[in-house]
Amino acid sequence: MFAATLSEVRARLAEVRQFLDAIKELESDPPAPDSSEVRVMRGLFFVHLYAGLEYAVNAGVEKIGRAHV
């Protein structure tokens, strides 16, 4: 029932993880400050993470709702 949804959720969260890994590679070694691009990317990471989690919750609730109708 949830196989397709679970696959899509895993793919989206894998993209979030790849983005986080890219940010880590671009970060400066302390005590050097990070570039403004890296700081912006950190903010976008949280937006991307939230979108993935929101999708997971919405897709799960939708599947459950359709199963009980």
C-alpha atoms as a PDB file:
ATOM      1  CA  MET A   1       0.000   0.000   0.000  1.00  0.00           C
ATOM      2  CA  PHE A   2       2.767   2.423   0.911  1.00  0.00           C
ATOM      3  CA  ALA A   3       5.547   1.075  -1.328  1.00  0.00           C
ATOM      4  CA  ALA A   4       5.342   3.792  -4.000  1.00  0.00           C
ATOM      5  CA  THR A   5       4.930   6.532  -1.403  1.00  0.00           C
ATOM      6  CA  LEU A   6       7.828   5.219   0.662  1.00  0.00           C
ATOM      7  CA  SER A   7      10.027   5.108  -2.420  1.00  0.00           C
ATOM      8  CA  GLU A   8       9.214   8.732  -3.274  1.00  0.00           C
ATOM      9  CA  VAL A   9       9.789   9.867   0.321  1.00  0.00           C
ATOM     10  CA  ARG A  10      13.166   8.117   0.411  1.00  0.00           C
ATOM     11  CA  ALA A  11      14.157   9.748  -2.874  1.00  0.00           C
ATOM     12  CA  ARG A  12      13.225  13.215  -1.624  1.00  0.00           C
ATOM     13  CA  LEU A  13      15.056  12.776   1.665  1.00  0.00           C
ATOM     14  CA  ALA A  14      18.089  11.417  -0.204  1.00  0.00           C
ATOM     15  CA  GLU A  15      18.144  14.676  -2.191  1.00  0.00           C
ATOM     16  CA  VAL A  16      18.096  16.603   1.085  1.00  0.00           C
ATOM     17  CA  ARG A  17      21.030  14.522   2.332  1.00  0.00           C
ATOM     18  CA  GLN A  18      22.973  15.164  -0.882  1.00  0.00           C
ATOM     19  CA  PHE A  19      22.410  18.887  -0.469  1.00  0.00           C
ATOM     20  CA  LEU A  20      23.661  18.726   3.120  1.00  0.00           C
ATOM     21  CA  ASP A  21      26.769  16.853   1.997  1.00  0.00           C
ATOM     22  CA  ALA A  22      27.404  19.519  -0.653  1.00  0.00           C
ATOM     23  CA  ILE A  23      27.132  22.238   1.993  1.00  0.00           C
ATOM     24  CA  LYS A  24      29.606  20.419   4.248  1.00  0.00           C
ATOM     25  CA  GLU A  25      32.132  20.270   1.417  1.00  0.00           C
ATOM     26  CA  LEU A  26      31.857  24.034   0.847  1.00  0.00           C
ATOM     27  CA  GLU A  27      32.143  25.076   4.491  1.00  0.00           C
ATOM     28  CA  SER A  28      35.333  26.799   5.580  1.00  0.00           C
ATOM     29  CA  ASP A  29      37.568  25.352   8.264  1.00  0.00           C
ATOM     30  CA  PRO A  30      37.212  27.209  11.574  1.00  0.00           C
ATOM     31  CA  PRO A  31      37.989  29.946  12.484  1.00  0.00           C
ATOM     32  CA  ALA A  32      37.536  31.223   8.910  1.00  0.00           C
ATOM     33  CA  PRO A  33      34.011  32.499   8.302  1.00  0.00           C
ATOM     34  CA  ASP A  34      31.836  30.767   5.732  1.00  0.00           C
ATOM     35  CA  SER A  35      30.970  32.537   2.509  1.00  0.00           C
ATOM     36  CA  SER A  36      27.581  34.164   2.112  1.00  0.00           C
ATOM     37  CA  GLU A  37      26.697  31.445  -0.415  1.00  0.00           C
ATOM     38  CA  VAL A  38      27.249  28.718   2.186  1.00  0.00           C
ATOM     39  CA  ARG A  39      25.175  30.619   4.742  1.00  0.00           C
ATOM     40  CA  VAL A  40      22.338  30.953   2.218  1.00  0.00           C
ATOM     41  CA  MET A  41      22.615  27.267   1.358  1.00  0.00           C
ATOM     42  CA  ARG A  42      22.288  26.383   5.052  1.00  0.00           C
ATOM     43  CA  GLY A  43      19.034  28.318   5.202  1.00  0.00           C
ATOM     44  CA  LEU A  44      17.789  26.636   2.041  1.00  0.00           C
ATOM     45  CA  PHE A  45      18.691  23.267   3.527  1.00  0.00           C
ATOM     46  CA  PHE A  46      16.084  23.731   6.236  1.00  0.00           C
ATOM     47  CA  VAL A  47      13.493  24.758   3.656  1.00  0.00           C
ATOM     48  CA  HIS A  48      14.359  21.675   1.584  1.00  0.00           C
ATOM     49  CA  LEU A  49      14.222  19.430   4.666  1.00  0.00           C
ATOM     50  CA  TYR A  50      10.857  20.837   5.699  1.00  0.00           C
ATOM     51  CA  ALA A  51       9.486  20.275   2.185  1.00  0.00           C
ATOM     52  CA  GLY A  52      10.593  16.641   2.261  1.00  0.00           C
ATOM     53  CA  LEU A  53       9.069  16.040   5.678  1.00  0.00           C
ATOM     54  CA  GLU A  54       5.869  17.831   4.716  1.00  0.00           C
ATOM     55  CA  TYR A  55       5.584  15.659   1.620  1.00  0.00           C
ATOM     56  CA  ALA A  56       6.108  12.511   3.696  1.00  0.00           C
ATOM     57  CA  VAL A  57       3.390  13.426   6.181  1.00  0.00           C
ATOM     58  CA  ASN A  58       0.908  14.590   3.538  1.00  0.00           C
ATOM     59  CA  ALA A  59       1.450  11.559   1.316  1.00  0.00           C
ATOM     60  CA  GLY A  60       1.083   9.189   4.269  1.00  0.00           C
ATOM     61  CA  VAL A  61      -2.097  10.826   5.503  1.00  0.00           C
ATOM     62  CA  GLU A  62      -3.513  10.844   1.974  1.00  0.00           C
ATOM     63  CA  LYS A  63      -2.800   7.111   1.559  1.00  0.00           C
ATOM     64  CA  ILE A  64      -4.416   6.306   4.882  1.00  0.00           C
ATOM     65  CA  GLY A  65      -7.402   8.492   4.026  1.00  0.00           C
ATOM     66  CA  ARG A  66      -7.910   6.778   0.683  1.00  0.00           C
ATOM     67  CA  ALA A  67      -7.645   3.346   2.297  1.00  0.00           C
ATOM     68  CA  HIS A  68     -10.470   4.153   4.726  1.00  0.00           C
ATOM     69  CA  VAL A  69     -12.898   5.685   2.223  1.00  0.00           C
END
